[in-house]
Each structure stands twice: as C-alpha cells, then as structure tokens.
C-alpha cells in the first residue's frame, strides 16, 4: 500500500501543481488584459482630448471670423450712415437756397422750340458759359419738387450701396 499511497499523493500534488499553474496563468491573462484595457482607455482619452482641442480651436476661429465680420459691417454701416447724413444736409442746404431765392433752377430750351415761337428769353450774360443758349427758369414749387425727388433718389442709391456692401461682407463668410 505504501506504493499506492505515494502515487495518490503524487497525483494530488500534480493536480495541485496543475491547478496552481492554471490559476497563475489565469492571473497572468487577467493582468495582461487589464493592461491592454488601460492602454486602450488612455488612447481613447487622448483621442477625446485632441478632438476637444480641435473643436475649441475651430470654435475660436469661427468666433474670430464673426467678430471681424461684425466689425466690417459696423464700419460699413457708419460709412453709409455718414453718407446719408451728408446727402440729407446737402439737400437741406439746396432747399434753403431755393427758398431764399439765393438759387434758381433753370432748364435748357431746345433752340428749335425757341425759333418756333416759344417766347422764352435767353438769359446768357457776360459771365455765362452757355454761349447764349436759351434757358427757362423753373417755378420755385417745381424746383422744390425736383430737389425732393433727387433727394429721395440719393437716399435710395445710398441705401442700395449699403445693401450691396452688406451682401459683399456676408458672401465670403457663407461661401468659404
């Protein structure tokens, strides 16, 4: 029996050794997978940090573009507002000069109409530059209406220029 007992103990020892080796191998696998998971987690965190940094950089660039656009639009608006005020001031001066008879508007008359009996006197003087062309003075009320119409036209052109400048300022931002 002692020989049989020795082999049982050997068998038990081998089984314990095999179980220990398996447990050690299992522990090694667990450690290796844990290290791989930690490495993947680190790489994932780095990728997220890079994406966050790139997004922040892109957002800052867009904010800078928007600020630059706002500044250009503000400058353009001020320029056109100034032009509108200047045109209004010029129209007011012209209207005042017409009202005080400091200025009279006149129109050129076709020489053929004057020859056919229009009866409008020529107003060329020694200091005139029209060389005796026939002119007719406009009624002050008509002159004021003409000035008002040209004033509206000036304001319309200034507003159109402002709109065109606004579109030109926006177009590069939308088509980049």
C-alpha atoms as a PDB file:
ATOM      1  CA  UNK A   1       0.000   0.000   0.000  1.00  0.00           C
ATOM      2  CA  UNK A   2       2.671   2.472   0.546  1.00  0.00           C
ATOM      3  CA  UNK A   3       3.392   2.494  -3.219  1.00  0.00           C
ATOM      4  CA  UNK A   4      -0.222   3.135  -3.970  1.00  0.00           C
ATOM      5  CA  UNK A   5      -0.386   5.895  -1.373  1.00  0.00           C
ATOM      6  CA  UNK A   6       2.659   7.573  -2.807  1.00  0.00           C
ATOM      7  CA  UNK A   7       1.193   7.749  -6.285  1.00  0.00           C
ATOM      8  CA  UNK A   8      -2.072   9.170  -4.947  1.00  0.00           C
ATOM      9  CA  UNK A   9      -0.097  11.871  -3.216  1.00  0.00           C
ATOM     10  CA  UNK A  10       1.841  12.400  -6.384  1.00  0.00           C
ATOM     11  CA  UNK A  11      -1.349  12.593  -8.326  1.00  0.00           C
ATOM     12  CA  UNK A  12      -2.795  15.054  -5.808  1.00  0.00           C
ATOM     13  CA  UNK A  13       0.441  17.036  -5.912  1.00  0.00           C
ATOM     14  CA  UNK A  14       0.383  17.098  -9.695  1.00  0.00           C
ATOM     15  CA  UNK A  15      -3.233  18.196  -9.631  1.00  0.00           C
ATOM     16  CA  UNK A  16      -2.444  20.910  -7.139  1.00  0.00           C
ATOM     17  CA  UNK A  17       0.530  21.939  -9.227  1.00  0.00           C
ATOM     18  CA  UNK A  18      -1.643  21.975 -12.351  1.00  0.00           C
ATOM     19  CA  UNK A  19      -4.349  23.941 -10.526  1.00  0.00           C
ATOM     20  CA  UNK A  20      -1.730  26.435  -9.290  1.00  0.00           C
ATOM     21  CA  UNK A  21      -0.279  26.737 -12.777  1.00  0.00           C
ATOM     22  CA  UNK A  22      -3.776  27.281 -14.200  1.00  0.00           C
ATOM     23  CA  UNK A  23      -4.529  29.866 -11.534  1.00  0.00           C
ATOM     24  CA  UNK A  24      -1.216  31.558 -12.242  1.00  0.00           C
ATOM     25  CA  UNK A  25      -1.911  31.506 -15.984  1.00  0.00           C
ATOM     26  CA  UNK A  26      -5.403  32.901 -15.340  1.00  0.00           C
ATOM     27  CA  UNK A  27      -3.940  35.642 -13.152  1.00  0.00           C
ATOM     28  CA  UNK A  28      -1.361  36.454 -15.862  1.00  0.00           C
ATOM     29  CA  UNK A  29      -4.108  36.662 -18.527  1.00  0.00           C
ATOM     30  CA  UNK A  30      -6.165  38.901 -16.256  1.00  0.00           C
ATOM     31  CA  UNK A  31      -3.166  41.180 -15.690  1.00  0.00           C
ATOM     32  CA  UNK A  32      -2.363  41.289 -19.431  1.00  0.00           C
ATOM     33  CA  UNK A  33      -5.960  42.118 -20.406  1.00  0.00           C
ATOM     34  CA  UNK A  34      -6.148  44.727 -17.678  1.00  0.00           C
ATOM     35  CA  UNK A  35      -3.012  46.356 -19.047  1.00  0.00           C
ATOM     36  CA  UNK A  36      -4.449  46.289 -22.609  1.00  0.00           C
ATOM     37  CA  UNK A  37      -7.716  47.819 -21.401  1.00  0.00           C
ATOM     38  CA  UNK A  38      -5.814  50.521 -19.540  1.00  0.00           C
ATOM     39  CA  UNK A  39      -3.790  51.278 -22.690  1.00  0.00           C
ATOM     40  CA  UNK A  40      -6.967  51.458 -24.803  1.00  0.00           C
ATOM     41  CA  UNK A  41      -8.575  53.724 -22.230  1.00  0.00           C
ATOM     42  CA  UNK A  42      -5.524  56.013 -22.278  1.00  0.00           C
ATOM     43  CA  UNK A  43      -5.523  56.140 -26.101  1.00  0.00           C
ATOM     44  CA  UNK A  44      -9.267  56.844 -26.110  1.00  0.00           C
ATOM     45  CA  UNK A  45      -8.808  59.676 -23.591  1.00  0.00           C
ATOM     46  CA  UNK A  46      -6.006  61.160 -25.720  1.00  0.00           C
ATOM     47  CA  UNK A  47      -8.201  60.985 -28.837  1.00  0.00           C
ATOM     48  CA  UNK A  48     -11.051  62.713 -26.985  1.00  0.00           C
ATOM     49  CA  UNK A  49      -8.666  65.421 -25.756  1.00  0.00           C
ATOM     50  CA  UNK A  50      -7.420  66.002 -29.307  1.00  0.00           C
ATOM     51  CA  UNK A  51     -10.979  66.200 -30.640  1.00  0.00           C
ATOM     52  CA  UNK A  52     -11.971  68.599 -27.875  1.00  0.00           C
ATOM     53  CA  UNK A  53      -8.924  70.749 -28.580  1.00  0.00           C
ATOM     54  CA  UNK A  54      -9.641  70.773 -32.322  1.00  0.00           C
ATOM     55  CA  UNK A  55     -13.291  71.672 -31.692  1.00  0.00           C
ATOM     56  CA  UNK A  56     -12.284  74.506 -29.356  1.00  0.00           C
ATOM     57  CA  UNK A  57      -9.794  75.811 -31.929  1.00  0.00           C
ATOM     58  CA  UNK A  58     -12.427  75.672 -34.679  1.00  0.00           C
ATOM     59  CA  UNK A  59     -14.969  77.418 -32.463  1.00  0.00           C
ATOM     60  CA  UNK A  60     -12.463  80.167 -31.630  1.00  0.00           C
ATOM     61  CA  UNK A  61     -11.696  80.616 -35.342  1.00  0.00           C
ATOM     62  CA  UNK A  62     -15.420  80.944 -36.102  1.00  0.00           C
ATOM     63  CA  UNK A  63     -15.848  83.456 -33.282  1.00  0.00           C
ATOM     64  CA  UNK A  64     -12.906  85.461 -34.634  1.00  0.00           C
ATOM     65  CA  UNK A  65     -14.443  85.421 -38.138  1.00  0.00           C
ATOM     66  CA  UNK A  66     -17.788  86.536 -36.753  1.00  0.00           C
ATOM     67  CA  UNK A  67     -16.183  89.349 -34.758  1.00  0.00           C
ATOM     68  CA  UNK A  68     -14.261  90.521 -37.827  1.00  0.00           C
ATOM     69  CA  UNK A  69     -17.467  90.420 -39.898  1.00  0.00           C
ATOM     70  CA  UNK A  70     -19.356  92.385 -37.247  1.00  0.00           C
ATOM     71  CA  UNK A  71     -16.598  95.000 -37.184  1.00  0.00           C
ATOM     72  CA  UNK A  72     -16.627  95.292 -41.004  1.00  0.00           C
ATOM     73  CA  UNK A  73     -20.421  95.606 -41.007  1.00  0.00           C
ATOM     74  CA  UNK A  74     -20.317  98.246 -38.274  1.00  0.00           C
ATOM     75  CA  UNK A  75     -17.717 100.258 -40.186  1.00  0.00           C
ATOM     76  CA  UNK A  76     -19.752  99.923 -43.398  1.00  0.00           C
ATOM     77  CA  UNK A  77     -22.927 100.954 -41.602  1.00  0.00           C
ATOM     78  CA  UNK A  78     -21.202 104.020 -40.160  1.00  0.00           C
ATOM     79  CA  UNK A  79     -19.854 104.964 -43.586  1.00  0.00           C
ATOM     80  CA  UNK A  80     -23.257 104.709 -45.220  1.00  0.00           C
ATOM     81  CA  UNK A  81     -24.982 106.482 -42.344  1.00  0.00           C
ATOM     82  CA  UNK A  82     -22.472 109.326 -42.715  1.00  0.00           C
ATOM     83  CA  UNK A  83     -23.094 109.440 -46.490  1.00  0.00           C
ATOM     84  CA  UNK A  84     -26.834 109.536 -45.869  1.00  0.00           C
ATOM     85  CA  UNK A  85     -26.453 112.383 -43.384  1.00  0.00           C
ATOM     86  CA  UNK A  86     -24.203 114.289 -45.789  1.00  0.00           C
ATOM     87  CA  UNK A  87     -26.720 113.865 -48.620  1.00  0.00           C
ATOM     88  CA  UNK A  88     -29.552 114.992 -46.340  1.00  0.00           C
ATOM     89  CA  UNK A  89     -27.546 118.041 -45.231  1.00  0.00           C
ATOM     90  CA  UNK A  90     -26.795 118.931 -48.879  1.00  0.00           C
ATOM     91  CA  UNK A  91     -30.473 118.572 -49.782  1.00  0.00           C
ATOM     92  CA  UNK A  92     -31.461 120.783 -46.853  1.00  0.00           C
ATOM     93  CA  UNK A  93     -28.954 123.447 -47.934  1.00  0.00           C
ATOM     94  CA  UNK A  94     -30.203 123.309 -51.506  1.00  0.00           C
ATOM     95  CA  UNK A  95     -33.820 123.584 -50.339  1.00  0.00           C
ATOM     96  CA  UNK A  96     -32.895 126.579 -48.150  1.00  0.00           C
ATOM     97  CA  UNK A  97     -31.107 128.296 -51.030  1.00  0.00           C
ATOM     98  CA  UNK A  98     -34.158 127.747 -53.245  1.00  0.00           C
ATOM     99  CA  UNK A  99     -36.487 129.095 -50.556  1.00  0.00           C
ATOM    100  CA  UNK A 100     -34.448 132.275 -50.065  1.00  0.00           C
ATOM    101  CA  UNK A 101     -34.172 132.878 -53.825  1.00  0.00           C
ATOM    102  CA  UNK A 102     -30.399 132.597 -53.454  1.00  0.00           C
ATOM    103  CA  UNK A 103     -30.573 129.915 -56.115  1.00  0.00           C
ATOM    104  CA  UNK A 104     -32.924 129.448 -59.055  1.00  0.00           C
ATOM    105  CA  UNK A 105     -33.163 126.319 -61.135  1.00  0.00           C
ATOM    106  CA  UNK A 106     -33.409 126.623 -64.876  1.00  0.00           C
ATOM    107  CA  UNK A 107     -33.559 124.256 -67.818  1.00  0.00           C
ATOM    108  CA  UNK A 108     -32.104 124.437 -71.294  1.00  0.00           C
ATOM    109  CA  UNK A 109     -34.636 125.017 -74.037  1.00  0.00           C
ATOM    110  CA  UNK A 110     -34.231 123.408 -77.430  1.00  0.00           C
ATOM    111  CA  UNK A 111     -33.153 126.153 -79.874  1.00  0.00           C
ATOM    112  CA  UNK A 112     -35.685 124.806 -82.390  1.00  0.00           C
ATOM    113  CA  UNK A 113     -38.517 125.384 -79.911  1.00  0.00           C
ATOM    114  CA  UNK A 114     -37.354 128.958 -79.319  1.00  0.00           C
ATOM    115  CA  UNK A 115     -37.278 129.600 -83.050  1.00  0.00           C
ATOM    116  CA  UNK A 116     -40.841 128.291 -83.402  1.00  0.00           C
ATOM    117  CA  UNK A 117     -42.165 130.944 -81.103  1.00  0.00           C
ATOM    118  CA  UNK A 118     -41.731 129.539 -77.600  1.00  0.00           C
ATOM    119  CA  UNK A 119     -41.126 133.080 -76.445  1.00  0.00           C
ATOM    120  CA  UNK A 120     -38.623 132.274 -73.699  1.00  0.00           C
ATOM    121  CA  UNK A 121     -35.916 134.906 -73.355  1.00  0.00           C
ATOM    122  CA  UNK A 122     -32.283 133.889 -73.436  1.00  0.00           C
ATOM    123  CA  UNK A 123     -30.597 134.527 -70.101  1.00  0.00           C
ATOM    124  CA  UNK A 124     -26.986 134.349 -71.143  1.00  0.00           C
ATOM    125  CA  UNK A 125     -24.933 137.139 -69.709  1.00  0.00           C
ATOM    126  CA  UNK A 126     -21.360 138.261 -69.976  1.00  0.00           C
ATOM    127  CA  UNK A 127     -20.318 135.757 -67.303  1.00  0.00           C
ATOM    128  CA  UNK A 128     -22.349 132.834 -68.690  1.00  0.00           C
ATOM    129  CA  UNK A 129     -20.751 129.712 -70.016  1.00  0.00           C
ATOM    130  CA  UNK A 130     -23.663 128.550 -72.165  1.00  0.00           C
ATOM    131  CA  UNK A 131     -22.831 130.942 -75.012  1.00  0.00           C
ATOM    132  CA  UNK A 132     -26.289 132.433 -75.430  1.00  0.00           C
ATOM    133  CA  UNK A 133     -28.277 129.215 -75.008  1.00  0.00           C
ATOM    134  CA  UNK A 134     -31.926 129.655 -74.289  1.00  0.00           C
ATOM    135  CA  UNK A 135     -32.889 128.820 -70.677  1.00  0.00           C
ATOM    136  CA  UNK A 136     -36.144 128.884 -68.767  1.00  0.00           C
ATOM    137  CA  UNK A 137     -36.325 129.363 -65.022  1.00  0.00           C
ATOM    138  CA  UNK A 138     -38.421 126.864 -63.106  1.00  0.00           C
ATOM    139  CA  UNK A 139     -41.178 127.840 -60.755  1.00  0.00           C
ATOM    140  CA  UNK A 140     -39.877 127.590 -57.145  1.00  0.00           C
ATOM    141  CA  UNK A 141     -42.530 124.981 -56.247  1.00  0.00           C
ATOM    142  CA  UNK A 142     -41.433 122.794 -59.174  1.00  0.00           C
ATOM    143  CA  UNK A 143     -37.800 123.309 -58.221  1.00  0.00           C
ATOM    144  CA  UNK A 144     -38.556 122.127 -54.667  1.00  0.00           C
ATOM    145  CA  UNK A 145     -40.304 119.017 -56.016  1.00  0.00           C
ATOM    146  CA  UNK A 146     -37.324 118.264 -58.242  1.00  0.00           C
ATOM    147  CA  UNK A 147     -34.950 118.680 -55.307  1.00  0.00           C
ATOM    148  CA  UNK A 148     -37.155 116.391 -53.188  1.00  0.00           C
ATOM    149  CA  UNK A 149     -37.194 113.748 -55.935  1.00  0.00           C
ATOM    150  CA  UNK A 150     -33.414 113.878 -56.328  1.00  0.00           C
ATOM    151  CA  UNK A 151     -33.060 113.694 -52.554  1.00  0.00           C
ATOM    152  CA  UNK A 152     -35.160 110.519 -52.469  1.00  0.00           C
ATOM    153  CA  UNK A 153     -33.065 109.146 -55.322  1.00  0.00           C
ATOM    154  CA  UNK A 154     -29.857 109.956 -53.447  1.00  0.00           C
ATOM    155  CA  UNK A 155     -31.154 108.238 -50.320  1.00  0.00           C
ATOM    156  CA  UNK A 156     -32.223 105.249 -52.403  1.00  0.00           C
ATOM    157  CA  UNK A 157     -28.786 104.959 -54.004  1.00  0.00           C
ATOM    158  CA  UNK A 158     -27.076 105.224 -50.630  1.00  0.00           C
ATOM    159  CA  UNK A 159     -29.373 102.534 -49.219  1.00  0.00           C
ATOM    160  CA  UNK A 160     -28.638 100.324 -52.250  1.00  0.00           C
ATOM    161  CA  UNK A 161     -24.900 100.791 -51.741  1.00  0.00           C
ATOM    162  CA  UNK A 162     -25.319  99.867 -48.075  1.00  0.00           C
ATOM    163  CA  UNK A 163     -27.216  96.697 -49.010  1.00  0.00           C
ATOM    164  CA  UNK A 164     -24.598  95.743 -51.594  1.00  0.00           C
ATOM    165  CA  UNK A 165     -21.789  96.290 -49.090  1.00  0.00           C
ATOM    166  CA  UNK A 166     -23.667  94.168 -46.553  1.00  0.00           C
ATOM    167  CA  UNK A 167     -24.099  91.305 -49.040  1.00  0.00           C
ATOM    168  CA  UNK A 168     -20.451  91.551 -50.110  1.00  0.00           C
ATOM    169  CA  UNK A 169     -19.392  91.367 -46.471  1.00  0.00           C
ATOM    170  CA  UNK A 170     -21.602  88.337 -45.804  1.00  0.00           C
ATOM    171  CA  UNK A 171     -20.898  86.435 -49.037  1.00  0.00           C
ATOM    172  CA  UNK A 172     -17.319  85.355 -48.225  1.00  0.00           C
ATOM    173  CA  UNK A 173     -18.408  84.104 -44.809  1.00  0.00           C
ATOM    174  CA  UNK A 174     -21.137  81.916 -46.327  1.00  0.00           C
ATOM    175  CA  UNK A 175     -19.208  80.568 -49.280  1.00  0.00           C
ATOM    176  CA  UNK A 176     -15.893  79.602 -47.652  1.00  0.00           C
END
